[in-house]
């Protein structure tokens, strides 16, 4: 399935670096990171449509901040 994701520039750069290190495409790297993040959730996953954008929004039971993502990427 094809979708559009709005990544902050710093996250995109880091994901591109990680993809290059792993010899993977950017898409494969983002899928892997998303799968790892989803596997660590302890709450139910809900998907709703954002009223303003019309795009689907996933709720994982807690807010994931840029700092959370940066910390996880630094662990790699």
Protein backbone atom coordinates (compact mmCIF):
# COMPACT_ATOMS: atom_id res chain seq x y z
CA UNK A 1 0.00 0.00 0.00
CA UNK A 2 1.33 3.42 -0.90
CA UNK A 3 0.93 6.30 1.57
CA UNK A 4 2.36 9.72 2.33
CA UNK A 5 4.06 10.47 5.65
CA UNK A 6 5.15 13.94 6.77
CA UNK A 7 8.51 13.47 8.51
CA UNK A 8 10.35 16.35 10.16
CA UNK A 9 13.61 17.01 8.22
CA UNK A 10 15.83 15.72 11.04
CA UNK A 11 13.91 12.43 11.19
CA UNK A 12 14.06 12.00 7.42
CA UNK A 13 17.83 12.62 7.38
CA UNK A 14 18.38 10.12 10.18
CA UNK A 15 16.16 7.54 8.51
CA UNK A 16 18.10 8.03 5.25
CA UNK A 17 21.39 7.58 7.11
CA UNK A 18 20.10 4.43 8.78
CA UNK A 19 18.86 3.08 5.43
CA UNK A 20 22.30 3.66 3.89
CA UNK A 21 24.02 1.96 6.84
CA UNK A 22 21.73 -1.06 6.47
CA UNK A 23 21.85 -1.14 2.68
CA UNK A 24 18.05 -0.81 2.57
CA UNK A 25 15.63 1.52 0.85
CA UNK A 26 14.22 4.41 2.86
CA UNK A 27 10.79 2.79 2.62
CA UNK A 28 12.02 -0.55 4.02
CA UNK A 29 13.79 1.23 6.87
CA UNK A 30 10.71 3.25 7.83
CA UNK A 31 8.56 0.10 7.71
CA UNK A 32 11.03 -1.66 10.01
CA UNK A 33 11.10 1.24 12.47
CA UNK A 34 7.31 1.51 12.46
CA UNK A 35 6.94 -2.24 13.03
CA UNK A 36 9.34 -2.09 15.98
CA UNK A 37 7.49 0.85 17.46
CA UNK A 38 4.10 -0.81 17.03
CA UNK A 39 5.38 -4.01 18.63
CA UNK A 40 6.31 -2.06 21.76
CA UNK A 41 2.92 -0.49 22.33
CA UNK A 42 0.99 -1.63 25.33
CA UNK A 43 -2.31 -0.02 24.39
CA UNK A 44 -4.77 -0.74 21.62
CA UNK A 45 -4.14 0.72 18.19
CA UNK A 46 -6.89 3.00 16.91
CA UNK A 47 -7.13 4.66 13.53
CA UNK A 48 -9.27 7.75 13.01
CA UNK A 49 -9.63 10.26 10.20
CA UNK A 50 -8.24 13.72 10.97
CA UNK A 51 -11.01 16.30 10.57
CA UNK A 52 -8.71 18.99 9.12
CA UNK A 53 -6.54 16.93 6.75
CA UNK A 54 -8.78 13.96 6.00
CA UNK A 55 -5.79 11.66 6.53
CA UNK A 56 -5.85 8.60 8.79
CA UNK A 57 -4.22 9.17 12.19
CA UNK A 58 -3.02 6.27 14.34
CA UNK A 59 -3.18 6.38 18.12
CA UNK A 60 -0.82 4.08 19.98
CA UNK A 61 -1.97 4.79 23.51
CA UNK A 62 0.79 7.32 24.22
CA UNK A 63 2.39 10.31 22.53
CA UNK A 64 5.70 9.57 20.80
CA UNK A 65 7.86 12.69 20.79
CA UNK A 66 10.77 13.66 18.55
CA UNK A 67 13.01 13.01 21.57
CA UNK A 68 11.64 9.44 21.86
CA UNK A 69 12.38 8.79 18.20
CA UNK A 70 15.87 10.32 18.44
CA UNK A 71 16.67 8.18 21.48
CA UNK A 72 15.53 5.04 19.68
CA UNK A 73 17.57 5.89 16.59
CA UNK A 74 20.64 6.59 18.74
CA UNK A 75 20.36 3.07 20.18
CA UNK A 76 20.91 1.62 16.70
